[in-house]
Structures are given as C-alpha cells and as structure tokens.
Amino acid sequence: MITKERFVEIINQLQELSEITDRVNALYRNCSNEIVRDFVSGAELLTLDSIIVELLEDIFDDKECAWIAYYAWELGYGKDYRKGGVTYMNEDVPLGTAEELYDLLRKE
C-alpha cells in the first residue's frame, strides 16, 4: 500500500502539472502565430496526468467510485470543493485536500 505522505506528494505533483498545462495553454492562446495558437496545446502533459490517475485508481481499487478522478478534475484538486457539496450515501464527503482524499480511499 502507498503511504499517505507519498500519496499526497503524487497528488500535489499532479496538481502542479495541471497548473503548468493551464499556463502553457494560455501562452499558446495569446500567440500571434495562427498555427501555434490554433493547433498547439499542453495536452501532451495531460496524458501523464491521466496515466497516473489510472494507476492510483488501480492501487486504491477506485474504478467504481472514481474519487481520485473526481477530486482531480471535477474539484480542481480540491480548490473547487465546498463543504456539503459532495455527498455519498447521504453523508458529507470532505474532499478539500489530498489528505482527505487519501482518508476516504482508505475507508472504502
């Protein structure tokens, strides 16, 4: 099993990669060269993101609920989490931090 500290480290690195991709895409959108602006993106960085999330889903047997993908992509690595905004089986699910995600995965 992966430790909580290592899990949080990986999630934080994924978040950083996502933020870098967003900045790269913003640079491309502002480029005066039409070919670069219209056909180049940071999407190749996201391929790593998807592969790592899939690997973590395998490690935590998280394919059915997909909490990791939800945390990463729907909640913006916890930035878009609001208390009471995520429920499961009529219970509030705290997902504002990678630590909370890890704790949830360990409970499942």
N, C-alpha and C. Protein backbone atom coordinates (compact mmCIF):
# COMPACT_ATOMS: atom_id res chain seq x y z
N MET A 1 0.85 -1.18 0.00
CA MET A 1 0.00 0.00 0.00
C MET A 1 0.89 1.24 0.00
N ILE A 2 0.41 2.26 -0.61
CA ILE A 2 1.13 3.53 -0.68
C ILE A 2 0.86 4.32 0.62
N THR A 3 1.88 4.98 1.12
CA THR A 3 1.69 5.76 2.36
C THR A 3 0.91 7.05 2.05
N LYS A 4 0.33 7.60 3.09
CA LYS A 4 -0.41 8.84 2.93
C LYS A 4 0.51 9.96 2.45
N GLU A 5 1.71 10.03 2.99
CA GLU A 5 2.66 11.07 2.61
C GLU A 5 3.02 10.98 1.13
N ARG A 6 3.28 9.75 0.66
CA ARG A 6 3.63 9.56 -0.76
C ARG A 6 2.43 9.88 -1.65
N PHE A 7 1.25 9.48 -1.24
CA PHE A 7 0.03 9.77 -2.00
C PHE A 7 -0.15 11.28 -2.14
N VAL A 8 -0.04 12.01 -1.05
CA VAL A 8 -0.20 13.46 -1.07
C VAL A 8 0.86 14.10 -1.98
N GLU A 9 2.07 13.60 -1.91
CA GLU A 9 3.15 14.11 -2.76
C GLU A 9 2.80 13.92 -4.25
N ILE A 10 2.29 12.76 -4.61
CA ILE A 10 1.93 12.48 -6.00
C ILE A 10 0.77 13.37 -6.44
N ILE A 11 -0.26 13.49 -5.60
CA ILE A 11 -1.40 14.35 -5.93
C ILE A 11 -0.95 15.79 -6.10
N ASN A 12 -0.09 16.27 -5.24
CA ASN A 12 0.42 17.64 -5.36
C ASN A 12 1.20 17.83 -6.65
N GLN A 13 1.96 16.83 -7.06
CA GLN A 13 2.69 16.91 -8.32
C GLN A 13 1.74 16.92 -9.51
N LEU A 14 0.66 16.13 -9.43
CA LEU A 14 -0.35 16.15 -10.48
C LEU A 14 -1.01 17.52 -10.58
N GLN A 15 -1.30 18.11 -9.43
CA GLN A 15 -1.90 19.44 -9.42
C GLN A 15 -0.95 20.45 -10.08
N GLU A 16 0.32 20.38 -9.74
CA GLU A 16 1.30 21.29 -10.32
C GLU A 16 1.36 21.10 -11.84
N LEU A 17 1.34 19.85 -12.30
CA LEU A 17 1.35 19.57 -13.74
C LEU A 17 0.11 20.16 -14.41
N SER A 18 -1.04 20.05 -13.77
CA SER A 18 -2.27 20.61 -14.32
C SER A 18 -2.18 22.13 -14.42
N GLU A 19 -1.63 22.76 -13.41
CA GLU A 19 -1.49 24.22 -13.41
C GLU A 19 -0.50 24.68 -14.49
N ILE A 20 0.58 23.94 -14.67
CA ILE A 20 1.55 24.25 -15.73
C ILE A 20 0.88 24.13 -17.09
N THR A 21 0.10 23.06 -17.28
CA THR A 21 -0.61 22.87 -18.55
C THR A 21 -1.54 24.04 -18.83
N ASP A 22 -2.25 24.50 -17.82
CA ASP A 22 -3.14 25.65 -17.99
C ASP A 22 -2.36 26.89 -18.41
N ARG A 23 -1.20 27.11 -17.80
CA ARG A 23 -0.39 28.28 -18.16
C ARG A 23 0.17 28.16 -19.57
N VAL A 24 0.61 26.95 -19.95
CA VAL A 24 1.12 26.73 -21.31
C VAL A 24 0.01 27.00 -22.32
N ASN A 25 -1.17 26.47 -22.06
CA ASN A 25 -2.29 26.69 -22.97
C ASN A 25 -2.63 28.18 -23.09
N ALA A 26 -2.55 28.91 -21.98
CA ALA A 26 -2.82 30.35 -22.02
C ALA A 26 -1.78 31.06 -22.90
N LEU A 27 -0.52 30.64 -22.80
CA LEU A 27 0.52 31.23 -23.65
C LEU A 27 0.23 30.96 -25.12
N TYR A 28 -0.14 29.73 -25.45
CA TYR A 28 -0.45 29.39 -26.84
C TYR A 28 -1.64 30.20 -27.36
N ARG A 29 -2.67 30.37 -26.53
CA ARG A 29 -3.86 31.12 -26.96
C ARG A 29 -3.53 32.57 -27.26
N ASN A 30 -2.50 33.12 -26.61
CA ASN A 30 -2.13 34.51 -26.80
C ASN A 30 -1.05 34.70 -27.86
N CYS A 31 -0.63 33.63 -28.51
CA CYS A 31 0.42 33.69 -29.51
C CYS A 31 -0.10 34.35 -30.78
N SER A 32 0.73 35.17 -31.42
CA SER A 32 0.31 35.84 -32.65
C SER A 32 0.37 34.90 -33.86
N ASN A 33 1.09 33.82 -33.76
CA ASN A 33 1.18 32.84 -34.85
C ASN A 33 -0.08 31.98 -34.85
N GLU A 34 -0.85 32.07 -35.94
CA GLU A 34 -2.14 31.35 -36.00
C GLU A 34 -1.98 29.84 -35.87
N ILE A 35 -0.95 29.26 -36.46
CA ILE A 35 -0.77 27.81 -36.40
C ILE A 35 -0.51 27.38 -34.96
N VAL A 36 0.37 28.08 -34.28
CA VAL A 36 0.64 27.75 -32.87
C VAL A 36 -0.62 27.96 -32.04
N ARG A 37 -1.28 29.09 -32.24
CA ARG A 37 -2.47 29.43 -31.45
C ARG A 37 -3.60 28.41 -31.65
N ASP A 38 -3.77 27.93 -32.89
CA ASP A 38 -4.90 27.06 -33.20
C ASP A 38 -4.62 25.57 -33.06
N PHE A 39 -3.36 25.16 -33.17
CA PHE A 39 -3.10 23.73 -33.24
C PHE A 39 -2.13 23.18 -32.19
N VAL A 40 -1.59 24.02 -31.34
CA VAL A 40 -0.62 23.55 -30.34
C VAL A 40 -1.24 23.74 -28.96
N SER A 41 -1.02 22.76 -28.08
CA SER A 41 -1.53 22.90 -26.72
C SER A 41 -0.64 22.12 -25.77
N GLY A 42 -0.95 22.23 -24.50
CA GLY A 42 -0.23 21.48 -23.48
C GLY A 42 -0.86 20.13 -23.22
N ALA A 43 -1.69 19.65 -24.14
CA ALA A 43 -2.42 18.40 -23.94
C ALA A 43 -1.50 17.20 -23.71
N GLU A 44 -0.32 17.22 -24.29
CA GLU A 44 0.59 16.09 -24.09
C GLU A 44 1.00 15.95 -22.62
N LEU A 45 0.97 17.02 -21.87
CA LEU A 45 1.25 16.93 -20.44
C LEU A 45 0.12 16.22 -19.70
N LEU A 46 -1.10 16.41 -20.16
CA LEU A 46 -2.25 15.80 -19.50
C LEU A 46 -2.29 14.29 -19.68
N THR A 47 -1.63 13.78 -20.71
CA THR A 47 -1.56 12.34 -20.90
C THR A 47 -0.91 11.70 -19.67
N LEU A 48 0.14 12.29 -19.18
CA LEU A 48 0.78 11.78 -17.96
C LEU A 48 -0.19 11.83 -16.79
N ASP A 49 -0.92 12.89 -16.69
CA ASP A 49 -1.91 13.07 -15.64
C ASP A 49 -2.91 11.91 -15.64
N SER A 50 -3.44 11.59 -16.79
CA SER A 50 -4.44 10.52 -16.91
C SER A 50 -3.85 9.16 -16.54
N ILE A 51 -2.63 8.91 -17.00
CA ILE A 51 -1.98 7.63 -16.71
C ILE A 51 -1.75 7.47 -15.21
N ILE A 52 -1.30 8.52 -14.57
CA ILE A 52 -1.02 8.46 -13.13
C ILE A 52 -2.31 8.30 -12.34
N VAL A 53 -3.36 8.99 -12.73
CA VAL A 53 -4.65 8.84 -12.04
C VAL A 53 -5.14 7.40 -12.20
N GLU A 54 -5.03 6.85 -13.39
CA GLU A 54 -5.45 5.45 -13.60
C GLU A 54 -4.65 4.50 -12.72
N LEU A 55 -3.35 4.73 -12.61
CA LEU A 55 -2.52 3.89 -11.76
C LEU A 55 -2.95 3.99 -10.30
N LEU A 56 -3.21 5.20 -9.82
CA LEU A 56 -3.67 5.37 -8.45
C LEU A 56 -5.04 4.71 -8.25
N GLU A 57 -5.90 4.79 -9.25
CA GLU A 57 -7.19 4.11 -9.15
C GLU A 57 -7.01 2.60 -9.01
N ASP A 58 -6.04 2.05 -9.71
CA ASP A 58 -5.76 0.62 -9.58
C ASP A 58 -5.23 0.29 -8.19
N ILE A 59 -4.32 1.10 -7.69
CA ILE A 59 -3.72 0.87 -6.38
C ILE A 59 -4.79 0.89 -5.29
N PHE A 60 -5.74 1.83 -5.40
CA PHE A 60 -6.76 2.00 -4.36
C PHE A 60 -8.09 1.33 -4.71
N ASP A 61 -8.11 0.59 -5.81
CA ASP A 61 -9.35 -0.05 -6.26
C ASP A 61 -10.48 0.98 -6.31
N ASP A 62 -10.23 2.06 -7.01
CA ASP A 62 -11.12 3.22 -7.06
C ASP A 62 -11.81 3.37 -8.41
N LYS A 63 -11.92 2.29 -9.18
CA LYS A 63 -12.53 2.38 -10.50
C LYS A 63 -14.03 2.66 -10.42
N GLU A 64 -14.71 2.04 -9.48
CA GLU A 64 -16.16 2.17 -9.40
C GLU A 64 -16.60 3.57 -8.98
N CYS A 65 -16.06 4.07 -7.90
CA CYS A 65 -16.46 5.40 -7.41
C CYS A 65 -15.70 6.53 -8.09
N ALA A 66 -14.48 6.27 -8.51
CA ALA A 66 -13.63 7.25 -9.21
C ALA A 66 -13.42 8.54 -8.40
N TRP A 67 -13.16 8.37 -7.11
CA TRP A 67 -12.93 9.53 -6.25
C TRP A 67 -11.69 10.31 -6.67
N ILE A 68 -10.65 9.61 -7.08
CA ILE A 68 -9.39 10.29 -7.45
C ILE A 68 -9.61 11.19 -8.66
N ALA A 69 -10.24 10.66 -9.69
CA ALA A 69 -10.50 11.46 -10.90
C ALA A 69 -11.45 12.62 -10.57
N TYR A 70 -12.45 12.36 -9.75
CA TYR A 70 -13.39 13.41 -9.35
C TYR A 70 -12.66 14.53 -8.61
N TYR A 71 -11.81 14.15 -7.66
CA TYR A 71 -11.03 15.13 -6.90
C TYR A 71 -10.14 15.96 -7.83
N ALA A 72 -9.46 15.27 -8.74
CA ALA A 72 -8.50 15.95 -9.63
C ALA A 72 -9.20 16.86 -10.63
N TRP A 73 -10.17 16.33 -11.34
CA TRP A 73 -10.69 17.06 -12.48
C TRP A 73 -11.98 17.83 -12.19
N GLU A 74 -12.87 17.28 -11.40
CA GLU A 74 -14.12 17.98 -11.12
C GLU A 74 -13.95 19.01 -9.99
N LEU A 75 -13.11 18.68 -9.03
CA LEU A 75 -12.90 19.59 -7.90
C LEU A 75 -11.61 20.39 -8.02
N GLY A 76 -10.93 20.31 -9.17
CA GLY A 76 -9.71 21.10 -9.36
C GLY A 76 -8.68 20.87 -8.28
N TYR A 77 -8.45 19.59 -7.96
CA TYR A 77 -7.53 19.20 -6.89
C TYR A 77 -7.93 19.82 -5.55
N GLY A 78 -9.24 19.86 -5.32
CA GLY A 78 -9.76 20.35 -4.05
C GLY A 78 -10.06 21.83 -4.01
N LYS A 79 -9.57 22.60 -4.97
CA LYS A 79 -9.78 24.05 -4.96
C LYS A 79 -11.25 24.43 -5.08
N ASP A 80 -12.03 23.60 -5.79
CA ASP A 80 -13.44 23.91 -6.01
C ASP A 80 -14.36 23.20 -5.01
N TYR A 81 -13.79 22.53 -4.04
CA TYR A 81 -14.59 21.83 -3.02
C TYR A 81 -15.26 22.84 -2.10
N ARG A 82 -16.52 22.60 -1.80
CA ARG A 82 -17.26 23.38 -0.83
C ARG A 82 -17.90 22.42 0.16
N LYS A 83 -17.82 22.74 1.45
CA LYS A 83 -18.40 21.87 2.48
C LYS A 83 -19.87 21.62 2.16
N GLY A 84 -20.25 20.36 2.20
CA GLY A 84 -21.61 19.97 1.89
C GLY A 84 -21.86 19.77 0.39
N GLY A 85 -20.86 20.06 -0.41
CA GLY A 85 -21.01 19.96 -1.87
C GLY A 85 -20.82 18.56 -2.42
N VAL A 86 -20.23 17.67 -1.63
CA VAL A 86 -20.01 16.29 -2.07
C VAL A 86 -20.63 15.37 -1.02
N THR A 87 -21.57 14.56 -1.44
CA THR A 87 -22.18 13.60 -0.53
C THR A 87 -22.14 12.21 -1.15
N TYR A 88 -22.12 11.23 -0.27
CA TYR A 88 -22.15 9.83 -0.69
C TYR A 88 -22.94 9.06 0.36
N MET A 89 -23.98 8.40 -0.08
CA MET A 89 -24.86 7.66 0.82
C MET A 89 -25.37 8.57 1.94
N ASN A 90 -25.81 9.76 1.54
CA ASN A 90 -26.40 10.76 2.44
C ASN A 90 -25.43 11.30 3.49
N GLU A 91 -24.15 11.16 3.27
CA GLU A 91 -23.16 11.71 4.19
C GLU A 91 -22.25 12.68 3.45
N ASP A 92 -21.88 13.76 4.14
CA ASP A 92 -20.93 14.73 3.59
C ASP A 92 -19.57 14.06 3.41
N VAL A 93 -18.95 14.29 2.27
CA VAL A 93 -17.62 13.74 1.99
C VAL A 93 -16.64 14.90 1.87
N PRO A 94 -15.76 15.09 2.86
CA PRO A 94 -14.78 16.16 2.76
C PRO A 94 -13.71 15.81 1.73
N LEU A 95 -13.55 16.67 0.72
CA LEU A 95 -12.57 16.44 -0.34
C LEU A 95 -11.83 17.73 -0.71
N GLY A 96 -11.45 18.48 0.29
CA GLY A 96 -10.74 19.73 0.04
C GLY A 96 -9.24 19.58 -0.04
N THR A 97 -8.72 18.44 0.43
CA THR A 97 -7.27 18.24 0.43
C THR A 97 -6.94 16.82 -0.02
N ALA A 98 -5.70 16.63 -0.42
CA ALA A 98 -5.24 15.29 -0.79
C ALA A 98 -5.27 14.36 0.41
N GLU A 99 -5.05 14.89 1.61
CA GLU A 99 -5.11 14.08 2.82
C GLU A 99 -6.52 13.53 3.04
N GLU A 100 -7.53 14.37 2.81
CA GLU A 100 -8.91 13.92 2.96
C GLU A 100 -9.26 12.88 1.91
N LEU A 101 -8.77 13.06 0.70
CA LEU A 101 -8.98 12.06 -0.35
C LEU A 101 -8.36 10.73 0.05
N TYR A 102 -7.15 10.76 0.54
CA TYR A 102 -6.48 9.53 0.98
C TYR A 102 -7.29 8.84 2.08
N ASP A 103 -7.74 9.60 3.05
CA ASP A 103 -8.52 9.02 4.15
C ASP A 103 -9.80 8.38 3.63
N LEU A 104 -10.46 9.02 2.67
CA LEU A 104 -11.66 8.46 2.07
C LEU A 104 -11.35 7.15 1.35
N LEU A 105 -10.28 7.11 0.60
CA LEU A 105 -9.90 5.91 -0.15
C LEU A 105 -9.55 4.76 0.79
N ARG A 106 -8.96 5.07 1.92
CA ARG A 106 -8.61 4.03 2.89
C ARG A 106 -9.85 3.46 3.57
N LYS A 107 -10.92 4.25 3.68
CA LYS A 107 -12.17 3.80 4.29
C LYS A 107 -12.94 2.86 3.38
N GLU A 108 -12.89 3.14 2.07
CA GLU A 108 -13.71 2.41 1.09
C GLU A 108 -13.41 0.94 1.09
